[in-house]
Amino acid sequence: MYINLLWHMLVQVLIVVFLVVAIAGLGVGLGLILSREKTTQLFHTLNRWVSTRHALKAVEIPYETERITHQYQRWLAAGFVLGGLFASFVLATSVDVTALSRVLVERRFVPFLAVVLDSARWFLIVGSAAGVVIGAMLLFYPNAEIALEKFANQWVSSRRIARTGDDMHMTLDTLVEAHPTPAGWVISCTSAAGVLCAIFMLVRYY
C-alpha cells in the first residue's frame, strides 16, 4: 500500500514538472516566432556566467583540527559513545512515526510521510551506531584511529574537479539565434505536444 501511494505521488509530481517545462518551452517558441529580438535579449540576460572556482575558494582552505581532537581524545570518545547510545535508544523506542505523521499532514498523506520518517529514523539510528563504534575505537584502539585518519584525511581539490564547469558551451544558443523562426516553430510544436500529453496524463491519473 505504501509503495503504491508513493509511486502514485511520484508520477503525479513528474507529470506536473513535465507540464511546467512544456509550457515554458511553448512560451519560448512563440517568443522566437513573434518577437525574436526580445526573446534573444532575454536569453542574453539569463545566460550569466557564474565562476565555480571563486565560489569554492573558501572550502579549499585546510583547517587543522587534529591537535585539539587528540588532546581531548578520551572525552571526545566518551561523548561519541554516550551520545550514540542515547540517540539510538530514543530513536528506536520513543519515536512513533505514524503518530507524528498524523500530526503533520492530512490523513491521505500519512502513509507516505510515515515511510519517509521511518527511513530517516533508521538512517539516524545507523549513524548513531557508527558514532558508538568510532567512540569505542578512540577509547580502546587509538592506534587504529590514527591509521584511519591517515587513510581518510586526503585532500581533494574541488576547484580542480570543477574546473571544466567554468567553460560555457553556447552552440545551441548560437544556432537558435541564427535561425530564430524555424527554431521557434520546432520548439513550439514539440512543446505543444508535450503540454497536451501532460494534460492527458494528469486527467487520466486524477
N, C-alpha and C. Protein backbone atom coordinates (compact mmCIF):
# COMPACT_ATOMS: atom_id res chain seq x y z
N MET A 1 0.83 -1.21 0.00
CA MET A 1 0.00 0.00 0.00
C MET A 1 0.87 1.26 0.00
N TYR A 2 1.86 1.27 0.89
CA TYR A 2 2.74 2.44 0.97
C TYR A 2 3.50 2.65 -0.33
N ILE A 3 3.97 1.55 -0.93
CA ILE A 3 4.73 1.67 -2.17
C ILE A 3 3.85 2.19 -3.31
N ASN A 4 2.61 1.70 -3.37
CA ASN A 4 1.69 2.17 -4.41
C ASN A 4 1.38 3.65 -4.26
N LEU A 5 1.15 4.09 -3.02
CA LEU A 5 0.87 5.51 -2.78
C LEU A 5 2.08 6.37 -3.12
N LEU A 6 3.27 5.91 -2.73
CA LEU A 6 4.50 6.66 -3.03
C LEU A 6 4.71 6.75 -4.54
N TRP A 7 4.51 5.65 -5.23
CA TRP A 7 4.68 5.64 -6.68
C TRP A 7 3.66 6.55 -7.35
N HIS A 8 2.41 6.54 -6.89
CA HIS A 8 1.35 7.37 -7.46
C HIS A 8 1.69 8.86 -7.30
N MET A 9 2.16 9.26 -6.12
CA MET A 9 2.50 10.66 -5.88
C MET A 9 3.73 11.07 -6.70
N LEU A 10 4.70 10.17 -6.83
CA LEU A 10 5.90 10.49 -7.61
C LEU A 10 5.55 10.70 -9.08
N VAL A 11 4.66 9.86 -9.61
CA VAL A 11 4.25 10.02 -11.01
C VAL A 11 3.52 11.34 -11.21
N GLN A 12 2.66 11.72 -10.27
CA GLN A 12 1.93 12.98 -10.39
C GLN A 12 2.89 14.18 -10.37
N VAL A 13 3.88 14.13 -9.49
CA VAL A 13 4.85 15.23 -9.42
C VAL A 13 5.64 15.33 -10.72
N LEU A 14 6.06 14.20 -11.26
CA LEU A 14 6.82 14.21 -12.51
C LEU A 14 5.98 14.74 -13.67
N ILE A 15 4.70 14.40 -13.70
CA ILE A 15 3.82 14.89 -14.76
C ILE A 15 3.67 16.41 -14.66
N VAL A 16 3.49 16.93 -13.44
CA VAL A 16 3.35 18.37 -13.25
C VAL A 16 4.63 19.09 -13.67
N VAL A 17 5.80 18.54 -13.30
CA VAL A 17 7.07 19.14 -13.71
C VAL A 17 7.20 19.14 -15.23
N PHE A 18 6.82 18.03 -15.85
CA PHE A 18 6.86 17.93 -17.31
C PHE A 18 5.94 18.96 -17.95
N LEU A 19 4.76 19.18 -17.35
CA LEU A 19 3.82 20.16 -17.88
C LEU A 19 4.38 21.58 -17.78
N VAL A 20 4.98 21.91 -16.66
CA VAL A 20 5.56 23.24 -16.47
C VAL A 20 6.68 23.49 -17.47
N VAL A 21 7.55 22.50 -17.67
CA VAL A 21 8.65 22.65 -18.63
C VAL A 21 8.11 22.80 -20.05
N ALA A 22 7.07 22.03 -20.38
CA ALA A 22 6.49 22.12 -21.72
C ALA A 22 5.85 23.48 -21.95
N ILE A 23 5.16 24.02 -20.95
CA ILE A 23 4.56 25.36 -21.09
C ILE A 23 5.65 26.42 -21.26
N ALA A 24 6.74 26.28 -20.49
CA ALA A 24 7.85 27.23 -20.64
C ALA A 24 8.46 27.13 -22.04
N GLY A 25 8.61 25.91 -22.55
CA GLY A 25 9.13 25.75 -23.91
C GLY A 25 8.21 26.33 -24.96
N LEU A 26 6.90 26.19 -24.75
CA LEU A 26 5.93 26.77 -25.68
C LEU A 26 6.04 28.29 -25.68
N GLY A 27 6.23 28.88 -24.51
CA GLY A 27 6.40 30.33 -24.43
C GLY A 27 7.66 30.79 -25.14
N VAL A 28 8.74 30.02 -24.99
CA VAL A 28 9.99 30.38 -25.68
C VAL A 28 9.82 30.28 -27.19
N GLY A 29 9.18 29.21 -27.65
CA GLY A 29 8.98 29.04 -29.09
C GLY A 29 8.13 30.14 -29.69
N LEU A 30 7.02 30.50 -29.02
CA LEU A 30 6.17 31.59 -29.51
C LEU A 30 6.91 32.92 -29.47
N GLY A 31 7.76 33.09 -28.45
CA GLY A 31 8.54 34.32 -28.37
C GLY A 31 9.51 34.45 -29.53
N LEU A 32 10.14 33.33 -29.92
CA LEU A 32 11.05 33.38 -31.06
C LEU A 32 10.31 33.67 -32.37
N ILE A 33 9.06 33.22 -32.48
CA ILE A 33 8.30 33.46 -33.71
C ILE A 33 7.76 34.89 -33.76
N LEU A 34 7.21 35.36 -32.65
CA LEU A 34 6.52 36.66 -32.64
C LEU A 34 7.44 37.83 -32.34
N SER A 35 8.42 37.62 -31.44
CA SER A 35 9.30 38.73 -31.05
C SER A 35 10.69 38.19 -30.79
N ARG A 36 11.43 37.94 -31.85
CA ARG A 36 12.72 37.28 -31.69
C ARG A 36 13.74 38.18 -31.02
N GLU A 37 13.65 39.51 -31.23
CA GLU A 37 14.64 40.40 -30.59
C GLU A 37 14.53 40.39 -29.08
N LYS A 38 13.27 40.50 -28.58
CA LYS A 38 13.08 40.50 -27.12
C LYS A 38 13.42 39.14 -26.52
N THR A 39 13.09 38.08 -27.25
CA THR A 39 13.40 36.73 -26.74
C THR A 39 14.91 36.51 -26.71
N THR A 40 15.60 36.97 -27.75
CA THR A 40 17.06 36.84 -27.77
C THR A 40 17.69 37.67 -26.66
N GLN A 41 17.15 38.85 -26.43
CA GLN A 41 17.65 39.69 -25.33
C GLN A 41 17.43 39.01 -23.99
N LEU A 42 16.27 38.32 -23.86
CA LEU A 42 16.02 37.58 -22.62
C LEU A 42 17.03 36.46 -22.46
N PHE A 43 17.38 35.77 -23.54
CA PHE A 43 18.42 34.73 -23.47
C PHE A 43 19.74 35.31 -22.98
N HIS A 44 20.10 36.47 -23.52
CA HIS A 44 21.36 37.09 -23.11
C HIS A 44 21.34 37.49 -21.63
N THR A 45 20.17 37.89 -21.14
CA THR A 45 20.05 38.27 -19.72
C THR A 45 20.17 37.04 -18.82
N LEU A 46 19.57 35.93 -19.24
CA LEU A 46 19.58 34.73 -18.41
C LEU A 46 20.91 34.00 -18.46
N ASN A 47 21.63 34.09 -19.57
CA ASN A 47 22.90 33.36 -19.71
C ASN A 47 24.03 34.12 -19.02
N ARG A 48 24.01 34.06 -17.70
CA ARG A 48 25.05 34.73 -16.91
C ARG A 48 26.06 33.69 -16.44
N TRP A 49 27.31 34.05 -16.52
CA TRP A 49 28.39 33.17 -16.13
C TRP A 49 28.66 33.31 -14.64
N VAL A 50 28.68 32.18 -13.94
CA VAL A 50 28.99 32.15 -12.50
C VAL A 50 30.22 31.29 -12.32
N SER A 51 31.26 31.86 -11.71
CA SER A 51 32.53 31.15 -11.54
C SER A 51 32.44 30.20 -10.35
N THR A 52 32.52 28.91 -10.64
CA THR A 52 32.53 27.93 -9.55
C THR A 52 33.85 27.97 -8.78
N ARG A 53 34.92 28.36 -9.43
CA ARG A 53 36.22 28.41 -8.75
C ARG A 53 36.21 29.47 -7.65
N HIS A 54 35.60 30.63 -7.92
CA HIS A 54 35.51 31.66 -6.88
C HIS A 54 34.56 31.22 -5.76
N ALA A 55 33.46 30.53 -6.14
CA ALA A 55 32.50 30.09 -5.13
C ALA A 55 33.08 29.01 -4.22
N LEU A 56 33.96 28.17 -4.75
CA LEU A 56 34.53 27.07 -3.99
C LEU A 56 35.88 27.41 -3.35
N LYS A 57 36.31 28.65 -3.48
CA LYS A 57 37.63 29.02 -2.97
C LYS A 57 37.72 28.86 -1.46
N ALA A 58 36.62 29.19 -0.75
CA ALA A 58 36.65 29.14 0.71
C ALA A 58 36.79 27.72 1.24
N VAL A 59 36.22 26.73 0.53
CA VAL A 59 36.29 25.36 1.03
C VAL A 59 37.63 24.70 0.71
N GLU A 60 38.49 25.38 -0.05
CA GLU A 60 39.80 24.83 -0.37
C GLU A 60 40.82 25.11 0.72
N ILE A 61 40.49 25.97 1.66
CA ILE A 61 41.44 26.33 2.72
C ILE A 61 41.42 25.24 3.79
N PRO A 62 42.54 24.55 4.05
CA PRO A 62 42.56 23.49 5.08
C PRO A 62 42.59 24.07 6.48
N TYR A 63 41.88 23.42 7.40
CA TYR A 63 41.85 23.82 8.81
C TYR A 63 42.34 22.66 9.66
N GLU A 64 43.32 22.92 10.49
CA GLU A 64 43.92 21.89 11.33
C GLU A 64 43.08 21.72 12.60
N THR A 65 42.50 20.53 12.79
CA THR A 65 41.70 20.24 13.99
C THR A 65 42.20 19.00 14.73
N GLU A 66 43.18 18.28 14.15
CA GLU A 66 43.62 17.03 14.76
C GLU A 66 44.30 17.26 16.10
N ARG A 67 45.00 18.39 16.26
CA ARG A 67 45.70 18.64 17.51
C ARG A 67 44.72 18.75 18.67
N ILE A 68 43.59 19.44 18.45
CA ILE A 68 42.59 19.59 19.51
C ILE A 68 41.91 18.27 19.80
N THR A 69 41.55 17.53 18.75
CA THR A 69 40.86 16.25 18.97
C THR A 69 41.76 15.23 19.66
N HIS A 70 43.04 15.23 19.35
CA HIS A 70 43.95 14.30 20.02
C HIS A 70 44.19 14.70 21.47
N GLN A 71 44.14 16.00 21.76
CA GLN A 71 44.36 16.46 23.13
C GLN A 71 43.22 16.03 24.05
N TYR A 72 42.00 16.03 23.54
CA TYR A 72 40.83 15.63 24.32
C TYR A 72 40.20 14.35 23.73
N GLN A 73 41.06 13.40 23.41
CA GLN A 73 40.59 12.22 22.69
C GLN A 73 39.63 11.38 23.52
N ARG A 74 39.93 11.16 24.80
CA ARG A 74 39.08 10.30 25.62
C ARG A 74 37.74 10.97 25.92
N TRP A 75 37.74 12.28 26.14
CA TRP A 75 36.47 12.98 26.34
C TRP A 75 35.62 12.93 25.06
N LEU A 76 36.27 13.11 23.94
CA LEU A 76 35.55 13.04 22.67
C LEU A 76 35.00 11.64 22.43
N ALA A 77 35.79 10.63 22.76
CA ALA A 77 35.34 9.25 22.58
C ALA A 77 34.14 8.95 23.48
N ALA A 78 34.21 9.40 24.75
CA ALA A 78 33.09 9.18 25.66
C ALA A 78 31.83 9.88 25.17
N GLY A 79 31.99 11.07 24.60
CA GLY A 79 30.84 11.79 24.04
C GLY A 79 30.22 11.04 22.87
N PHE A 80 31.07 10.48 22.01
CA PHE A 80 30.56 9.68 20.89
C PHE A 80 29.78 8.46 21.37
N VAL A 81 30.34 7.74 22.35
CA VAL A 81 29.70 6.52 22.83
C VAL A 81 28.38 6.83 23.53
N LEU A 82 28.42 7.76 24.49
CA LEU A 82 27.21 8.07 25.24
C LEU A 82 26.14 8.70 24.36
N GLY A 83 26.56 9.66 23.52
CA GLY A 83 25.59 10.30 22.63
C GLY A 83 24.99 9.32 21.63
N GLY A 84 25.82 8.43 21.08
CA GLY A 84 25.32 7.45 20.13
C GLY A 84 24.37 6.47 20.77
N LEU A 85 24.69 5.98 21.98
CA LEU A 85 23.80 5.06 22.68
C LEU A 85 22.47 5.72 23.03
N PHE A 86 22.53 6.95 23.55
CA PHE A 86 21.30 7.65 23.92
C PHE A 86 20.44 7.92 22.69
N ALA A 87 21.06 8.40 21.61
CA ALA A 87 20.29 8.70 20.40
C ALA A 87 19.68 7.44 19.81
N SER A 88 20.44 6.34 19.78
CA SER A 88 19.91 5.09 19.24
C SER A 88 18.73 4.59 20.06
N PHE A 89 18.84 4.67 21.39
CA PHE A 89 17.76 4.20 22.26
C PHE A 89 16.50 5.03 22.09
N VAL A 90 16.66 6.35 22.05
CA VAL A 90 15.50 7.23 21.91
C VAL A 90 14.83 7.04 20.55
N LEU A 91 15.64 6.98 19.50
CA LEU A 91 15.06 6.82 18.16
C LEU A 91 14.38 5.48 17.98
N ALA A 92 14.92 4.43 18.60
CA ALA A 92 14.35 3.10 18.41
C ALA A 92 13.12 2.86 19.26
N THR A 93 13.00 3.53 20.40
CA THR A 93 11.91 3.21 21.33
C THR A 93 10.88 4.31 21.51
N SER A 94 11.26 5.56 21.31
CA SER A 94 10.35 6.66 21.69
C SER A 94 9.76 7.42 20.52
N VAL A 95 10.16 7.13 19.29
CA VAL A 95 9.66 7.88 18.14
C VAL A 95 8.61 7.04 17.42
N ASP A 96 7.37 7.55 17.43
CA ASP A 96 6.26 6.89 16.74
C ASP A 96 6.01 7.66 15.44
N VAL A 97 6.50 7.11 14.32
CA VAL A 97 6.42 7.83 13.05
C VAL A 97 4.98 7.96 12.57
N THR A 98 4.14 6.99 12.86
CA THR A 98 2.74 7.06 12.42
C THR A 98 2.00 8.19 13.13
N ALA A 99 2.18 8.27 14.46
CA ALA A 99 1.53 9.35 15.21
C ALA A 99 2.06 10.71 14.79
N LEU A 100 3.37 10.81 14.56
CA LEU A 100 3.95 12.07 14.12
C LEU A 100 3.43 12.46 12.74
N SER A 101 3.24 11.49 11.85
CA SER A 101 2.72 11.78 10.52
C SER A 101 1.29 12.30 10.59
N ARG A 102 0.48 11.76 11.50
CA ARG A 102 -0.89 12.22 11.65
C ARG A 102 -0.96 13.66 12.14
N VAL A 103 0.03 14.06 12.92
CA VAL A 103 0.05 15.44 13.42
C VAL A 103 0.45 16.41 12.32
N LEU A 104 1.38 15.98 11.43
CA LEU A 104 1.97 16.90 10.46
C LEU A 104 1.14 17.06 9.19
N VAL A 105 0.49 16.01 8.72
CA VAL A 105 -0.18 16.09 7.42
C VAL A 105 -1.61 15.55 7.52
N GLU A 106 -2.33 15.68 6.40
CA GLU A 106 -3.68 15.16 6.33
C GLU A 106 -3.67 13.63 6.30
N ARG A 107 -4.85 13.05 6.45
CA ARG A 107 -4.95 11.61 6.60
C ARG A 107 -4.45 10.85 5.38
N ARG A 108 -4.73 11.35 4.18
CA ARG A 108 -4.34 10.60 2.98
C ARG A 108 -2.84 10.61 2.74
N PHE A 109 -2.12 11.56 3.32
CA PHE A 109 -0.67 11.62 3.15
C PHE A 109 0.08 10.97 4.31
N VAL A 110 -0.64 10.45 5.29
CA VAL A 110 0.00 9.84 6.46
C VAL A 110 0.88 8.65 6.09
N PRO A 111 0.42 7.70 5.26
CA PRO A 111 1.30 6.55 4.93
C PRO A 111 2.58 6.97 4.23
N PHE A 112 2.49 7.92 3.32
CA PHE A 112 3.69 8.38 2.60
C PHE A 112 4.69 9.02 3.55
N LEU A 113 4.20 9.93 4.41
CA LEU A 113 5.11 10.60 5.34
C LEU A 113 5.66 9.62 6.38
N ALA A 114 4.86 8.61 6.74
CA ALA A 114 5.35 7.61 7.69
C ALA A 114 6.53 6.84 7.12
N VAL A 115 6.48 6.51 5.83
CA VAL A 115 7.61 5.82 5.18
C VAL A 115 8.84 6.71 5.18
N VAL A 116 8.66 8.00 4.86
CA VAL A 116 9.80 8.93 4.82
C VAL A 116 10.42 9.09 6.20
N LEU A 117 9.57 9.29 7.22
CA LEU A 117 10.09 9.48 8.58
C LEU A 117 10.73 8.22 9.12
N ASP A 118 10.17 7.06 8.80
CA ASP A 118 10.76 5.80 9.27
C ASP A 118 12.12 5.56 8.63
N SER A 119 12.24 5.90 7.34
CA SER A 119 13.54 5.77 6.67
C SER A 119 14.57 6.71 7.29
N ALA A 120 14.14 7.96 7.58
CA ALA A 120 15.05 8.91 8.22
C ALA A 120 15.43 8.45 9.62
N ARG A 121 14.47 7.85 10.34
CA ARG A 121 14.76 7.37 11.70
C ARG A 121 15.81 6.27 11.67
N TRP A 122 15.68 5.31 10.76
CA TRP A 122 16.67 4.23 10.68
C TRP A 122 18.02 4.74 10.18
N PHE A 123 18.01 5.75 9.33
CA PHE A 123 19.27 6.35 8.90
C PHE A 123 19.99 6.98 10.09
N LEU A 124 19.24 7.66 10.95
CA LEU A 124 19.85 8.27 12.14
C LEU A 124 20.31 7.21 13.13
N ILE A 125 19.57 6.10 13.24
CA ILE A 125 19.98 5.03 14.14
C ILE A 125 21.30 4.43 13.68
N VAL A 126 21.43 4.20 12.38
CA VAL A 126 22.69 3.66 11.84
C VAL A 126 23.83 4.64 12.08
N GLY A 127 23.56 5.94 11.89
CA GLY A 127 24.58 6.94 12.15
C GLY A 127 25.00 6.99 13.61
N SER A 128 24.02 6.84 14.51
CA SER A 128 24.34 6.83 15.94
C SER A 128 25.15 5.60 16.32
N ALA A 129 24.81 4.45 15.74
CA ALA A 129 25.59 3.23 15.99
C ALA A 129 27.02 3.38 15.48
N ALA A 130 27.16 4.04 14.32
CA ALA A 130 28.51 4.30 13.82
C ALA A 130 29.29 5.21 14.76
N GLY A 131 28.60 6.18 15.37
CA GLY A 131 29.26 7.03 16.36
C GLY A 131 29.73 6.25 17.57
N VAL A 132 28.95 5.27 18.00
CA VAL A 132 29.36 4.41 19.13
C VAL A 132 30.61 3.62 18.75
N VAL A 133 30.63 3.09 17.54
CA VAL A 133 31.80 2.30 17.09
C VAL A 133 33.04 3.19 17.03
N ILE A 134 32.89 4.40 16.50
CA ILE A 134 34.04 5.31 16.42
C ILE A 134 34.52 5.69 17.82
N GLY A 135 33.58 5.96 18.73
CA GLY A 135 33.96 6.29 20.10
C GLY A 135 34.69 5.15 20.78
N ALA A 136 34.21 3.92 20.60
CA ALA A 136 34.89 2.76 21.19
C ALA A 136 36.29 2.60 20.60
N MET A 137 36.44 2.84 19.32
CA MET A 137 37.75 2.74 18.70
C MET A 137 38.70 3.79 19.27
N LEU A 138 38.19 5.01 19.50
CA LEU A 138 39.02 6.06 20.09
C LEU A 138 39.46 5.69 21.50
N LEU A 139 38.59 4.99 22.25
CA LEU A 139 38.91 4.64 23.63
C LEU A 139 39.90 3.48 23.72
N PHE A 140 39.65 2.43 22.95
CA PHE A 140 40.40 1.19 23.14
C PHE A 140 41.47 0.93 22.08
N TYR A 141 41.32 1.56 20.90
CA TYR A 141 42.28 1.32 19.83
C TYR A 141 42.71 2.66 19.22
N PRO A 142 43.44 3.48 19.97
CA PRO A 142 43.84 4.79 19.44
C PRO A 142 44.75 4.69 18.24
N ASN A 143 45.58 3.64 18.17
CA ASN A 143 46.47 3.50 17.02
C ASN A 143 45.68 3.23 15.74
N ALA A 144 44.60 2.48 15.86
CA ALA A 144 43.76 2.22 14.69
C ALA A 144 43.10 3.50 14.22
N GLU A 145 42.75 4.36 15.17
CA GLU A 145 42.14 5.65 14.79
C GLU A 145 43.13 6.53 14.05
N ILE A 146 44.39 6.50 14.46
CA ILE A 146 45.42 7.29 13.77
C ILE A 146 45.62 6.77 12.35
N ALA A 147 45.66 5.44 12.21
CA ALA A 147 45.81 4.86 10.87
C ALA A 147 44.61 5.20 9.98
N LEU A 148 43.41 5.21 10.58
CA LEU A 148 42.22 5.56 9.82
C LEU A 148 42.25 7.02 9.40
N GLU A 149 42.76 7.88 10.26
CA GLU A 149 42.88 9.31 9.92
C GLU A 149 43.84 9.51 8.74
N LYS A 150 44.94 8.80 8.74
CA LYS A 150 45.90 8.94 7.64
C LYS A 150 45.28 8.50 6.32
N PHE A 151 44.44 7.47 6.38
CA PHE A 151 43.80 6.99 5.16
C PHE A 151 42.68 7.93 4.70
N ALA A 152 41.91 8.45 5.67
CA ALA A 152 40.72 9.25 5.33
C ALA A 152 41.05 10.71 5.04
N ASN A 153 42.07 11.26 5.71
CA ASN A 153 42.39 12.68 5.57
C ASN A 153 43.22 12.92 4.31
N GLN A 154 42.60 12.74 3.17
CA GLN A 154 43.26 13.01 1.90
C GLN A 154 42.61 14.24 1.27
N TRP A 155 43.44 15.19 0.87
CA TRP A 155 42.93 16.43 0.32
C TRP A 155 42.54 16.24 -1.14
N VAL A 156 41.32 16.60 -1.46
CA VAL A 156 40.80 16.52 -2.81
C VAL A 156 40.41 17.93 -3.25
N SER A 157 40.95 18.37 -4.34
CA SER A 157 40.70 19.73 -4.82
C SER A 157 39.37 19.78 -5.56
N SER A 158 38.39 20.39 -4.94
CA SER A 158 37.10 20.54 -5.60
C SER A 158 37.19 21.55 -6.74
N ARG A 159 38.07 22.52 -6.63
CA ARG A 159 38.23 23.51 -7.71
C ARG A 159 38.83 22.85 -8.95
N ARG A 160 39.74 21.89 -8.73
CA ARG A 160 40.33 21.21 -9.88
C ARG A 160 39.30 20.30 -10.55
N ILE A 161 38.46 19.65 -9.74
CA ILE A 161 37.43 18.78 -10.31
C ILE A 161 36.41 19.59 -11.10
N ALA A 162 36.05 20.78 -10.57
CA ALA A 162 35.02 21.60 -11.20
C ALA A 162 35.59 22.61 -12.19
N ARG A 163 36.85 22.43 -12.60
CA ARG A 163 37.47 23.41 -13.49
C ARG A 163 36.74 23.49 -14.83
N THR A 164 36.34 22.35 -15.38
CA THR A 164 35.63 22.37 -16.67
C THR A 164 34.22 22.94 -16.54
N GLY A 165 33.71 23.06 -15.31
CA GLY A 165 32.38 23.64 -15.14
C GLY A 165 32.34 25.11 -15.44
N ASP A 166 33.49 25.77 -15.53
CA ASP A 166 33.52 27.19 -15.86
C ASP A 166 33.46 27.45 -17.36
N ASP A 167 33.57 26.40 -18.16
CA ASP A 167 33.52 26.58 -19.62
C ASP A 167 32.07 26.72 -20.07
N MET A 168 31.81 27.74 -20.86
CA MET A 168 30.47 27.97 -21.38
C MET A 168 30.35 27.36 -22.78
N HIS A 169 29.29 26.59 -23.00
CA HIS A 169 29.03 25.97 -24.30
C HIS A 169 27.75 26.59 -24.86
N MET A 170 27.91 27.46 -25.84
CA MET A 170 26.79 28.24 -26.37
C MET A 170 26.42 27.83 -27.79
N THR A 171 26.74 26.57 -28.17
CA THR A 171 26.48 26.14 -29.55
C THR A 171 24.99 26.20 -29.88
N LEU A 172 24.15 25.69 -28.98
CA LEU A 172 22.71 25.66 -29.24
C LEU A 172 22.13 27.07 -29.29
N ASP A 173 22.59 27.95 -28.39
CA ASP A 173 22.10 29.33 -28.40
C ASP A 173 22.47 30.04 -29.70
N THR A 174 23.70 29.80 -30.14
CA THR A 174 24.13 30.42 -31.40
C THR A 174 23.30 29.93 -32.58
N LEU A 175 22.99 28.63 -32.59
CA LEU A 175 22.19 28.07 -33.66
C LEU A 175 20.77 28.63 -33.65
N VAL A 176 20.18 28.78 -32.46
CA VAL A 176 18.82 29.33 -32.37
C VAL A 176 18.80 30.79 -32.78
N GLU A 177 19.82 31.57 -32.38
CA GLU A 177 19.88 32.98 -32.77
C GLU A 177 20.08 33.14 -34.28
N ALA A 178 20.78 32.20 -34.91
CA ALA A 178 20.99 32.29 -36.36
C ALA A 178 19.72 31.94 -37.14
N HIS A 179 18.89 31.07 -36.57
CA HIS A 179 17.65 30.66 -37.25
C HIS A 179 16.50 30.73 -36.26
N PRO A 180 16.06 31.92 -35.85
CA PRO A 180 15.06 32.05 -34.79
C PRO A 180 13.67 31.52 -35.17
N THR A 181 13.21 31.82 -36.39
CA THR A 181 11.86 31.41 -36.77
C THR A 181 11.72 29.89 -36.90
N PRO A 182 12.59 29.20 -37.66
CA PRO A 182 12.47 27.73 -37.69
C PRO A 182 12.64 27.10 -36.30
N ALA A 183 13.57 27.62 -35.52
CA ALA A 183 13.76 27.08 -34.17
C ALA A 183 12.52 27.31 -33.32
N GLY A 184 11.88 28.49 -33.49
CA GLY A 184 10.66 28.77 -32.74
C GLY A 184 9.54 27.82 -33.07
N TRP A 185 9.39 27.51 -34.38
CA TRP A 185 8.34 26.57 -34.79
C TRP A 185 8.62 25.17 -34.25
N VAL A 186 9.86 24.74 -34.31
CA VAL A 186 10.20 23.41 -33.79
C VAL A 186 9.93 23.32 -32.29
N ILE A 187 10.39 24.35 -31.54
CA ILE A 187 10.19 24.35 -30.09
C ILE A 187 8.71 24.44 -29.76
N SER A 188 7.95 25.28 -30.49
CA SER A 188 6.52 25.44 -30.21
C SER A 188 5.76 24.15 -30.46
N CYS A 189 6.03 23.50 -31.58
CA CYS A 189 5.30 22.27 -31.91
C CYS A 189 5.59 21.15 -30.91
N THR A 190 6.87 20.96 -30.61
CA THR A 190 7.21 19.90 -29.66
C THR A 190 6.70 20.21 -28.26
N SER A 191 6.75 21.49 -27.86
CA SER A 191 6.26 21.86 -26.53
C SER A 191 4.74 21.74 -26.45
N ALA A 192 4.03 22.11 -27.53
CA ALA A 192 2.57 21.97 -27.54
C ALA A 192 2.18 20.50 -27.43
N ALA A 193 2.90 19.64 -28.13
CA ALA A 193 2.64 18.20 -28.00
C ALA A 193 2.91 17.73 -26.57
N GLY A 194 3.97 18.26 -25.96
CA GLY A 194 4.26 17.90 -24.57
C GLY A 194 3.18 18.38 -23.61
N VAL A 195 2.66 19.58 -23.83
CA VAL A 195 1.58 20.10 -22.97
C VAL A 195 0.34 19.22 -23.08
N LEU A 196 -0.05 18.88 -24.31
CA LEU A 196 -1.24 18.03 -24.49
C LEU A 196 -1.03 16.65 -23.87
N CYS A 197 0.16 16.12 -24.02
CA CYS A 197 0.45 14.81 -23.44
C CYS A 197 0.38 14.86 -21.91
N ALA A 198 0.95 15.92 -21.31
CA ALA A 198 0.93 16.05 -19.85
C ALA A 198 -0.48 16.24 -19.33
N ILE A 199 -1.29 17.05 -20.02
CA ILE A 199 -2.69 17.25 -19.59
C ILE A 199 -3.46 15.94 -19.68
N PHE A 200 -3.25 15.18 -20.75
CA PHE A 200 -3.92 13.90 -20.91
C PHE A 200 -3.54 12.95 -19.77
N MET A 201 -2.25 12.91 -19.41
CA MET A 201 -1.82 12.02 -18.33
C MET A 201 -2.36 12.47 -16.98
N LEU A 202 -2.43 13.80 -16.74
CA LEU A 202 -3.00 14.29 -15.49
C LEU A 202 -4.47 13.93 -15.36
N VAL A 203 -5.23 14.11 -16.45
CA VAL A 203 -6.66 13.76 -16.43
C VAL A 203 -6.82 12.26 -16.18
N ARG A 204 -5.95 11.48 -16.77
CA ARG A 204 -6.04 10.02 -16.59
C ARG A 204 -5.74 9.61 -15.16
N TYR A 205 -4.72 10.23 -14.53
CA TYR A 205 -4.35 9.85 -13.18
C TYR A 205 -5.32 10.40 -12.13
N TYR A 206 -5.94 11.53 -12.42
CA TYR A 206 -6.88 12.09 -11.46
C TYR A 206 -8.29 11.54 -11.71
